[in-house]
């Protein structure tokens, strides 16, 4: 399987082959899951959706998806994508009495696009294998806006035959698919490591922009110099732009979800005896964001925290921050 790339959103039906297109289920209709489902509907796939909050299915039904009230309604799906917030929810949806393990037919494949622990990914792989089913870990790098535009980066790992069967679907959800081998835990570890690095970048951008602003440099000019020279990466530009504009809502990822991801990354690091002192610090900075009552803000509110601690009058002016 080769990594693939595209130049932007696709809206045309998936390419025809000698095999009919698979029926696809999507569980978890938050910002990311709804984007996945919407794009697959636009591609002409038969898509069935489920969320515990049934009202989230309505916009997708209006576009042509079918909604079910229980996970058992996905029994005829050949591929089921899950986009869920944490280990506990994914484990419940998969292993519960009425979960995917008992619902899916043999040879069906569960594709978890959630950010969860490598240990859970390996556990679910083993359970699905016992049931004759496949499991692929396929977490993504990118935010909901990129998901709608099909500009995500998808990291996929699992049994090679299962990855091959779902790769054409995953390739339509992003601009590039990165194969990570047959250990699904490796894909989740890669995602956690990437989120730790993103958090470190947000902390650094917040500190530097606070320094420059307090030193009299106009923030937008500082941002232009930084991102137009040595720091022109996607994270610097996207989240640095949010910090400069004080635009922390609506969130791409909330601070509590970021804390969860850093906690999982640090747990893996502890298990493998890998010191990550900077990541530990940023984890605590994210906890401080939540402690200030900003749990609904984007994790780039690390920049807001840096500004306020520097004595800058950024709080009430920031989007989504209560005065």
Protein backbone atom coordinates (compact mmCIF):
# COMPACT_ATOMS: atom_id res chain seq x y z
CA UNK A 1 0.00 0.00 0.00
CA UNK A 2 1.45 3.34 -1.02
CA UNK A 3 0.89 6.63 0.73
CA UNK A 4 -1.35 8.83 -1.39
CA UNK A 5 -2.00 12.53 -1.62
CA UNK A 6 -4.60 14.84 -3.11
CA UNK A 7 -4.81 18.53 -3.77
CA UNK A 8 -8.06 19.18 -1.97
CA UNK A 9 -11.60 18.02 -1.22
CA UNK A 10 -13.04 15.28 -3.38
CA UNK A 11 -16.76 15.28 -4.08
CA UNK A 12 -16.93 12.69 -6.85
CA UNK A 13 -18.04 9.09 -6.31
CA UNK A 14 -15.39 6.59 -5.32
CA UNK A 15 -13.79 4.84 -8.27
CA UNK A 16 -15.56 1.77 -9.54
CA UNK A 17 -13.86 -1.62 -9.47
CA UNK A 18 -14.82 -5.23 -9.93
CA UNK A 19 -15.90 -5.21 -6.29
CA UNK A 20 -18.93 -3.23 -5.06
CA UNK A 21 -18.22 -0.38 -2.69
CA UNK A 22 -18.47 -1.46 0.96
CA UNK A 23 -21.28 -0.34 3.21
CA UNK A 24 -19.80 1.87 5.93
CA UNK A 25 -20.89 2.69 9.46
CA UNK A 26 -19.73 5.69 11.46
CA UNK A 27 -20.00 5.78 15.25
CA UNK A 28 -19.36 9.10 16.99
CA UNK A 29 -20.74 12.17 15.24
CA UNK A 30 -18.70 14.90 16.84
CA UNK A 31 -16.77 17.36 14.71
CA UNK A 32 -14.46 14.73 13.22
CA UNK A 33 -16.89 11.83 12.88
CA UNK A 34 -19.55 13.96 11.21
CA UNK A 35 -16.93 15.21 8.71
CA UNK A 36 -15.94 11.63 7.88
CA UNK A 37 -19.55 10.59 7.40
CA UNK A 38 -20.42 13.65 5.33
CA UNK A 39 -17.49 13.13 2.95
CA UNK A 40 -18.27 9.44 2.49
CA UNK A 41 -21.91 10.23 1.73
CA UNK A 42 -20.72 12.79 -0.83
CA UNK A 43 -18.60 10.05 -2.42
CA UNK A 44 -21.64 7.87 -2.93
CA UNK A 45 -21.01 5.30 -0.21
CA UNK A 46 -23.91 3.75 1.66
CA UNK A 47 -23.32 5.24 5.12
CA UNK A 48 -25.06 4.32 8.37
CA UNK A 49 -24.46 6.56 11.38
CA UNK A 50 -24.89 6.21 15.13
CA UNK A 51 -24.34 8.51 18.10
CA UNK A 52 -25.67 8.38 21.63
CA UNK A 53 -26.91 11.91 20.95
CA UNK A 54 -29.39 11.05 18.22
CA UNK A 55 -29.90 14.67 17.14
CA UNK A 56 -26.37 14.77 15.75
CA UNK A 57 -27.42 12.40 12.98
CA UNK A 58 -30.07 14.72 11.51
CA UNK A 59 -27.75 16.82 9.26
CA UNK A 60 -26.20 13.64 7.87
CA UNK A 61 -29.57 12.02 7.24
CA UNK A 62 -30.58 15.11 5.24
CA UNK A 63 -27.54 14.45 3.02
CA UNK A 64 -28.37 10.80 2.45
CA UNK A 65 -27.02 8.83 5.40
CA UNK A 66 -29.11 6.34 7.33
CA UNK A 67 -29.32 6.73 11.11
CA UNK A 68 -29.82 3.91 13.60
CA UNK A 69 -30.80 4.12 17.25
CA UNK A 70 -28.55 1.27 18.43
CA UNK A 71 -25.15 -0.13 17.53
CA UNK A 72 -26.86 -3.36 16.49
CA UNK A 73 -28.25 -1.40 13.53
CA UNK A 74 -24.75 -1.53 12.02
CA UNK A 75 -24.73 -5.30 11.68
CA UNK A 76 -24.74 -5.22 7.87
CA UNK A 77 -21.82 -2.79 7.58
CA UNK A 78 -18.61 -4.18 6.15
CA UNK A 79 -16.51 -1.37 7.62
CA UNK A 80 -17.29 0.65 10.76
CA UNK A 81 -15.35 3.80 11.60
CA UNK A 82 -15.33 4.95 15.22
CA UNK A 83 -14.42 8.49 16.25
CA UNK A 84 -14.71 8.59 20.02
CA UNK A 85 -13.20 10.71 22.81
CA UNK A 86 -11.29 8.25 25.00
CA UNK A 87 -10.40 4.67 25.92
CA UNK A 88 -13.44 4.10 28.13
CA UNK A 89 -15.95 5.09 25.47
CA UNK A 90 -14.23 3.11 22.72
CA UNK A 91 -13.97 0.02 24.94
CA UNK A 92 -17.65 0.27 25.86
CA UNK A 93 -18.77 0.73 22.26
CA UNK A 94 -16.66 -2.21 21.15
CA UNK A 95 -16.82 -4.70 24.01
CA UNK A 96 -20.17 -3.93 25.61
CA UNK A 97 -23.05 -6.41 25.61
CA UNK A 98 -24.54 -4.71 22.55
CA UNK A 99 -21.23 -3.48 21.16
CA UNK A 100 -19.42 -3.86 17.87
CA UNK A 101 -17.79 -7.16 18.78
CA UNK A 102 -21.18 -8.83 19.07
CA UNK A 103 -22.73 -6.87 16.22
CA UNK A 104 -20.32 -7.11 13.33
CA UNK A 105 -20.25 -10.12 11.05
CA UNK A 106 -17.13 -12.18 10.48
CA UNK A 107 -14.75 -10.44 8.05
CA UNK A 108 -16.11 -7.00 8.91
CA UNK A 109 -13.48 -4.43 9.90
CA UNK A 110 -13.53 -1.95 12.75
CA UNK A 111 -11.45 1.15 11.97
CA UNK A 112 -10.74 3.19 15.08
CA UNK A 113 -9.91 6.81 14.25
CA UNK A 114 -9.94 7.76 17.92
CA UNK A 115 -6.95 9.00 19.92
CA UNK A 116 -6.59 6.20 22.46
CA UNK A 117 -3.87 4.24 24.21
CA UNK A 118 -1.71 1.75 22.30
CA UNK A 119 -2.63 -0.87 24.88
CA UNK A 120 -6.34 -0.60 24.13
CA UNK A 121 -5.67 -0.81 20.40
CA UNK A 122 -3.81 -4.10 20.90
CA UNK A 123 -6.51 -5.44 23.21
CA UNK A 124 -9.28 -4.67 20.71
CA UNK A 125 -7.25 -6.21 17.91
CA UNK A 126 -7.03 -9.48 19.81
CA UNK A 127 -10.75 -9.50 20.64
CA UNK A 128 -11.81 -8.78 17.07
CA UNK A 129 -9.47 -11.46 15.78
CA UNK A 130 -11.14 -14.04 18.05
CA UNK A 131 -14.47 -13.03 16.51
CA UNK A 132 -13.11 -13.38 12.98
CA UNK A 133 -13.18 -9.62 12.46
CA UNK A 134 -10.50 -7.09 11.56
CA UNK A 135 -9.28 -4.06 13.48
CA UNK A 136 -7.30 -1.14 12.07
CA UNK A 137 -6.03 1.79 14.12
CA UNK A 138 -6.27 4.92 11.94
CA UNK A 139 -5.91 8.07 14.05
CA UNK A 140 -5.55 11.33 12.17
CA UNK A 141 -3.42 14.45 12.33
CA UNK A 142 -5.41 17.62 11.77
CA UNK A 143 -8.46 19.51 13.00
CA UNK A 144 -12.16 19.40 12.04
CA UNK A 145 -11.71 22.07 9.37
CA UNK A 146 -9.07 19.93 7.68
CA UNK A 147 -11.34 16.90 8.05
CA UNK A 148 -14.11 18.62 6.08
CA UNK A 149 -11.58 19.66 3.43
CA UNK A 150 -10.06 16.13 3.25
CA UNK A 151 -6.67 17.51 4.19
CA UNK A 152 -6.03 15.29 7.20
CA UNK A 153 -3.03 13.00 7.52
CA UNK A 154 -4.17 9.44 8.32
CA UNK A 155 -1.93 7.00 10.21
CA UNK A 156 -2.97 3.38 9.70
CA UNK A 157 -1.74 0.14 11.27
CA UNK A 158 -3.10 -3.36 11.68
CA UNK A 159 -3.22 -6.76 10.01
CA UNK A 160 -2.02 -6.10 6.44
CA UNK A 161 -5.08 -7.71 4.83
CA UNK A 162 -7.40 -5.52 6.91
CA UNK A 163 -5.43 -2.37 6.14
CA UNK A 164 -5.56 -3.17 2.42
CA UNK A 165 -9.34 -3.58 2.54
CA UNK A 166 -9.92 -0.17 4.13
CA UNK A 167 -7.11 1.85 2.57
CA UNK A 168 -9.20 3.12 -0.36
CA UNK A 169 -11.74 4.50 2.12
CA UNK A 170 -9.12 6.08 4.37
CA UNK A 171 -7.38 7.67 1.40
CA UNK A 172 -10.59 9.57 0.63
CA UNK A 173 -10.67 11.14 4.09
CA UNK A 174 -7.33 12.93 3.93
CA UNK A 175 -4.48 14.15 1.78
CA UNK A 176 -2.05 11.40 2.73
CA UNK A 177 -2.16 7.94 4.26
CA UNK A 178 0.86 6.83 6.30
CA UNK A 179 1.12 3.01 6.72
CA UNK A 180 2.64 2.15 10.12
CA UNK A 181 2.93 -1.63 9.96
CA UNK A 182 0.94 -4.41 11.55
CA UNK A 183 0.97 -3.23 15.19
CA UNK A 184 -2.09 -0.99 15.71
CA UNK A 185 -0.55 0.34 18.89
CA UNK A 186 2.19 1.98 16.81
CA UNK A 187 -0.36 4.17 15.02
CA UNK A 188 -1.81 5.35 18.30
CA UNK A 189 1.63 5.98 19.78
CA UNK A 190 2.49 8.05 16.70
CA UNK A 191 -0.67 10.12 17.18
CA UNK A 192 0.03 10.70 20.88
CA UNK A 193 3.61 11.72 20.13
CA UNK A 194 2.42 14.16 17.46
CA UNK A 195 -0.06 15.72 19.87
CA UNK A 196 2.64 16.09 22.50
CA UNK A 197 4.83 17.87 19.97
CA UNK A 198 1.91 20.12 18.97
CA UNK A 199 1.30 21.05 22.62
CA UNK A 200 4.98 21.89 23.05
CA UNK A 201 4.76 24.14 19.99
CA UNK A 202 1.66 25.91 21.32
CA UNK A 203 3.39 26.55 24.63
CA UNK A 204 6.45 27.94 22.86
CA UNK A 205 4.40 30.16 20.56
CA UNK A 206 2.39 31.48 23.50
CA UNK A 207 5.49 32.38 25.51
CA UNK A 208 7.29 34.05 22.62
CA UNK A 209 4.26 36.04 21.48
CA UNK A 210 3.67 37.22 25.06
CA UNK A 211 7.31 38.35 25.27
CA UNK A 212 7.17 40.21 21.96
CA UNK A 213 3.80 41.82 22.69
CA UNK A 214 4.88 43.07 26.10
CA UNK A 215 8.07 44.33 24.49
CA UNK A 216 6.07 46.54 22.17
CA UNK A 217 6.11 44.45 19.01
CA UNK A 218 2.70 44.38 17.32
CA UNK A 219 1.45 40.75 17.57
CA UNK A 220 0.43 40.36 13.93
CA UNK A 221 3.83 41.64 12.82
CA UNK A 222 5.57 39.23 15.19
CA UNK A 223 3.48 36.41 13.79
CA UNK A 224 4.33 37.43 10.22
CA UNK A 225 8.07 37.46 10.93
CA UNK A 226 8.04 34.13 12.77
CA UNK A 227 5.85 32.18 10.34
CA UNK A 228 7.36 33.86 7.29
CA UNK A 229 10.88 32.80 8.18
CA UNK A 230 12.13 29.85 10.23
CA UNK A 231 8.82 28.84 11.85
CA UNK A 232 6.54 28.31 8.86
CA UNK A 233 5.06 24.95 9.85
CA UNK A 234 1.35 24.17 9.84
CA UNK A 235 1.15 24.12 13.63
CA UNK A 236 2.93 27.44 14.02
CA UNK A 237 0.71 29.08 11.43
CA UNK A 238 -2.64 27.57 12.44
CA UNK A 239 -2.41 27.79 16.21
CA UNK A 240 -0.13 30.80 16.32
CA UNK A 241 -2.80 32.57 14.29
CA UNK A 242 -5.40 31.66 16.89
CA UNK A 243 -3.21 33.00 19.68
CA UNK A 244 -2.58 36.29 17.88
CA UNK A 245 -6.28 36.73 17.10
CA UNK A 246 -7.36 35.55 20.59
CA UNK A 247 -9.59 33.08 18.74
CA UNK A 248 -10.00 30.16 21.11
CA UNK A 249 -13.58 29.24 20.26
CA UNK A 250 -14.97 27.25 18.60
CA UNK A 251 -12.28 24.73 19.55
CA UNK A 252 -10.57 22.31 17.21
CA UNK A 253 -9.67 20.29 20.29
CA UNK A 254 -10.61 21.30 23.80
CA UNK A 255 -8.11 21.56 26.63
CA UNK A 256 -9.51 18.48 28.49
CA UNK A 257 -9.01 16.28 25.41
CA UNK A 258 -5.48 17.63 25.08
CA UNK A 259 -4.81 16.79 28.75
CA UNK A 260 -6.03 13.26 28.07
CA UNK A 261 -3.69 12.88 25.11
CA UNK A 262 -0.67 14.20 27.02
CA UNK A 263 -1.52 11.91 29.93
CA UNK A 264 -1.58 8.88 27.60
CA UNK A 265 1.70 9.92 25.98
CA UNK A 266 3.38 10.36 29.36
CA UNK A 267 2.05 6.99 30.55
CA UNK A 268 3.67 5.31 27.54
CA UNK A 269 6.87 7.24 28.21
CA UNK A 270 6.92 6.14 31.83
CA UNK A 271 6.33 2.53 30.83
CA UNK A 272 9.28 2.66 28.42
CA UNK A 273 11.52 4.74 30.73
CA UNK A 274 11.60 7.71 28.36
CA UNK A 275 11.88 11.01 30.27
CA UNK A 276 9.68 13.73 28.74
CA UNK A 277 10.14 16.71 31.09
CA UNK A 278 8.91 19.36 28.66
CA UNK A 279 5.77 17.35 27.84
CA UNK A 280 5.12 16.90 31.57
CA UNK A 281 5.29 20.67 32.00
CA UNK A 282 2.89 21.31 29.11
CA UNK A 283 0.47 18.74 30.55
CA UNK A 284 0.37 20.78 33.75
CA UNK A 285 -0.05 24.00 31.77
CA UNK A 286 -3.11 22.51 30.11
CA UNK A 287 -4.45 21.53 33.53
CA UNK A 288 -3.97 25.18 34.52
CA UNK A 289 -6.04 26.24 31.51
CA UNK A 290 -8.88 24.03 32.73
CA UNK A 291 -8.47 25.25 36.32
CA UNK A 292 -9.19 28.80 35.11
CA UNK A 293 -12.55 27.63 33.78
CA UNK A 294 -11.46 27.49 30.15
CA UNK A 295 -12.24 23.84 29.57
CA UNK A 296 -14.37 24.60 26.52
CA UNK A 297 -11.61 26.53 24.78
CA UNK A 298 -9.18 25.31 22.13
CA UNK A 299 -5.88 23.99 23.48
CA UNK A 300 -4.17 27.01 21.91
CA UNK A 301 -5.47 28.80 25.03
CA UNK A 302 -1.99 27.93 26.30
CA UNK A 303 -1.16 31.23 24.58
CA UNK A 304 -3.88 33.02 26.52
CA UNK A 305 -2.49 31.64 29.77
CA UNK A 306 1.00 32.87 28.87
CA UNK A 307 -0.36 36.34 28.02
CA UNK A 308 -2.33 36.73 31.24
CA UNK A 309 0.58 35.54 33.36
CA UNK A 310 2.70 38.17 31.61
CA UNK A 311 0.22 40.84 32.72
CA UNK A 312 -1.19 41.44 29.25
CA UNK A 313 -4.88 42.44 29.02
CA UNK A 314 -5.90 39.52 26.85
CA UNK A 315 -8.52 37.68 28.90
CA UNK A 316 -11.92 39.31 28.32
CA UNK A 317 -11.06 40.18 24.70
CA UNK A 318 -10.38 36.56 23.82
CA UNK A 319 -13.09 34.75 21.91
CA UNK A 320 -14.93 32.30 24.14
CA UNK A 321 -13.49 33.62 27.43
CA UNK A 322 -15.99 34.78 30.00
CA UNK A 323 -15.20 38.19 31.43
